[in-house]
């Protein structure tokens, strides 16, 4: 959610989708950059390990994170659909 006030992860929806908000506007890729930064910080990996592979202009994104196992992600965010 761009222009969400604070950069934070709100949790996992009932559909298994990670919900996050960033303060940056959805202009010029600023919100996507902020989301990548947020997820890198949350998962304690380098920003270069987080890639936005689909959904750059939409509300739903597909993200790939190198260096983090599926088990680590589900421990961090129970209920997430991988």
C-alpha atoms as a PDB file:
ATOM      1  CA  UNK A   1       0.000   0.000   0.000  1.00  0.00           C
ATOM      2  CA  UNK A   2       1.776   3.158  -1.156  1.00  0.00           C
ATOM      3  CA  UNK A   3       1.467   6.326   0.929  1.00  0.00           C
ATOM      4  CA  UNK A   4       0.630   4.098   3.885  1.00  0.00           C
ATOM      5  CA  UNK A   5       2.170   6.424   6.452  1.00  0.00           C
ATOM      6  CA  UNK A   6       4.941   4.201   7.779  1.00  0.00           C
ATOM      7  CA  UNK A   7       7.061   1.513   6.191  1.00  0.00           C
ATOM      8  CA  UNK A   8       5.854  -1.668   7.876  1.00  0.00           C
ATOM      9  CA  UNK A   9       4.553  -5.172   7.354  1.00  0.00           C
ATOM     10  CA  UNK A  10       0.983  -5.472   8.611  1.00  0.00           C
ATOM     11  CA  UNK A  11       0.874  -9.270   8.537  1.00  0.00           C
ATOM     12  CA  UNK A  12      -0.660 -11.946   6.356  1.00  0.00           C
ATOM     13  CA  UNK A  13      -4.190 -11.755   4.939  1.00  0.00           C
ATOM     14  CA  UNK A  14      -6.662 -14.633   5.197  1.00  0.00           C
ATOM     15  CA  UNK A  15      -5.718 -15.456   1.572  1.00  0.00           C
ATOM     16  CA  UNK A  16      -2.065 -15.933   2.568  1.00  0.00           C
ATOM     17  CA  UNK A  17      -0.825 -12.679   1.048  1.00  0.00           C
ATOM     18  CA  UNK A  18       1.743 -10.578   2.897  1.00  0.00           C
ATOM     19  CA  UNK A  19       0.351  -7.105   3.518  1.00  0.00           C
ATOM     20  CA  UNK A  20       2.784  -4.215   3.698  1.00  0.00           C
ATOM     21  CA  UNK A  21       2.613  -0.460   3.548  1.00  0.00           C
ATOM     22  CA  UNK A  22       5.233   2.090   2.592  1.00  0.00           C
ATOM     23  CA  UNK A  23       5.289   5.846   2.981  1.00  0.00           C
ATOM     24  CA  UNK A  24       6.574   6.429  -0.564  1.00  0.00           C
ATOM     25  CA  UNK A  25       4.121   7.322  -3.332  1.00  0.00           C
ATOM     26  CA  UNK A  26       3.493   5.003  -6.274  1.00  0.00           C
ATOM     27  CA  UNK A  27       5.306   7.371  -8.617  1.00  0.00           C
ATOM     28  CA  UNK A  28       8.469   6.543 -10.525  1.00  0.00           C
ATOM     29  CA  UNK A  29       8.894   3.224  -8.752  1.00  0.00           C
ATOM     30  CA  UNK A  30       9.426   4.856  -5.351  1.00  0.00           C
ATOM     31  CA  UNK A  31       6.930   2.590  -3.581  1.00  0.00           C
ATOM     32  CA  UNK A  32       8.483  -0.525  -5.138  1.00  0.00           C
ATOM     33  CA  UNK A  33      11.946   0.578  -4.039  1.00  0.00           C
ATOM     34  CA  UNK A  34      10.656   1.218  -0.518  1.00  0.00           C
ATOM     35  CA  UNK A  35       8.990  -2.215  -0.464  1.00  0.00           C
ATOM     36  CA  UNK A  36      12.212  -3.955  -1.507  1.00  0.00           C
ATOM     37  CA  UNK A  37      14.102  -2.058   1.196  1.00  0.00           C
ATOM     38  CA  UNK A  38      11.474  -2.925   3.815  1.00  0.00           C
ATOM     39  CA  UNK A  39      11.480  -6.637   2.984  1.00  0.00           C
ATOM     40  CA  UNK A  40      15.290  -6.741   2.975  1.00  0.00           C
ATOM     41  CA  UNK A  41      15.327  -5.182   6.440  1.00  0.00           C
ATOM     42  CA  UNK A  42      12.584  -7.477   7.736  1.00  0.00           C
ATOM     43  CA  UNK A  43      14.378 -10.591   6.472  1.00  0.00           C
ATOM     44  CA  UNK A  44      17.871  -9.321   7.337  1.00  0.00           C
ATOM     45  CA  UNK A  45      19.268  -9.711   3.826  1.00  0.00           C
ATOM     46  CA  UNK A  46      20.933  -7.321   1.400  1.00  0.00           C
ATOM     47  CA  UNK A  47      18.622  -5.263  -0.803  1.00  0.00           C
ATOM     48  CA  UNK A  48      20.193  -6.928  -3.809  1.00  0.00           C
ATOM     49  CA  UNK A  49      18.802 -10.260  -2.530  1.00  0.00           C
ATOM     50  CA  UNK A  50      15.210  -9.023  -2.913  1.00  0.00           C
ATOM     51  CA  UNK A  51      13.812  -8.880  -6.453  1.00  0.00           C
ATOM     52  CA  UNK A  52      10.444  -7.651  -7.644  1.00  0.00           C
ATOM     53  CA  UNK A  53       9.701 -10.029 -10.525  1.00  0.00           C
ATOM     54  CA  UNK A  54       6.047  -9.258 -11.298  1.00  0.00           C
ATOM     55  CA  UNK A  55       3.430  -6.661 -10.453  1.00  0.00           C
ATOM     56  CA  UNK A  56       5.540  -3.521 -10.599  1.00  0.00           C
ATOM     57  CA  UNK A  57       2.505  -1.399 -11.513  1.00  0.00           C
ATOM     58  CA  UNK A  58      -0.158  -3.320  -9.617  1.00  0.00           C
ATOM     59  CA  UNK A  59      -1.201  -3.796  -6.006  1.00  0.00           C
ATOM     60  CA  UNK A  60      -0.130  -7.450  -5.930  1.00  0.00           C
ATOM     61  CA  UNK A  61       3.580  -8.143  -6.315  1.00  0.00           C
ATOM     62  CA  UNK A  62       5.674 -11.259  -6.782  1.00  0.00           C
ATOM     63  CA  UNK A  63       8.910 -11.052  -4.843  1.00  0.00           C
ATOM     64  CA  UNK A  64      11.875 -13.430  -4.844  1.00  0.00           C
ATOM     65  CA  UNK A  65      14.322 -13.362  -1.948  1.00  0.00           C
ATOM     66  CA  UNK A  66      17.701 -15.066  -2.223  1.00  0.00           C
ATOM     67  CA  UNK A  67      19.339 -16.402   0.916  1.00  0.00           C
ATOM     68  CA  UNK A  68      16.145 -17.048   2.881  1.00  0.00           C
ATOM     69  CA  UNK A  69      14.480 -20.449   3.076  1.00  0.00           C
ATOM     70  CA  UNK A  70      10.743 -21.020   2.767  1.00  0.00           C
ATOM     71  CA  UNK A  71      10.777 -22.240   6.367  1.00  0.00           C
ATOM     72  CA  UNK A  72      12.297 -18.969   7.563  1.00  0.00           C
ATOM     73  CA  UNK A  73       9.627 -16.988   5.725  1.00  0.00           C
ATOM     74  CA  UNK A  74       6.759 -19.050   7.159  1.00  0.00           C
ATOM     75  CA  UNK A  75       8.243 -18.773  10.646  1.00  0.00           C
ATOM     76  CA  UNK A  76       8.405 -14.995  10.263  1.00  0.00           C
ATOM     77  CA  UNK A  77       4.941 -14.670   8.731  1.00  0.00           C
ATOM     78  CA  UNK A  78       2.740 -17.679   9.598  1.00  0.00           C
ATOM     79  CA  UNK A  79       0.012 -18.332   7.064  1.00  0.00           C
ATOM     80  CA  UNK A  80       1.866 -16.853   4.106  1.00  0.00           C
ATOM     81  CA  UNK A  81       1.281 -18.567   0.782  1.00  0.00           C
ATOM     82  CA  UNK A  82       4.566 -19.365  -0.957  1.00  0.00           C
END
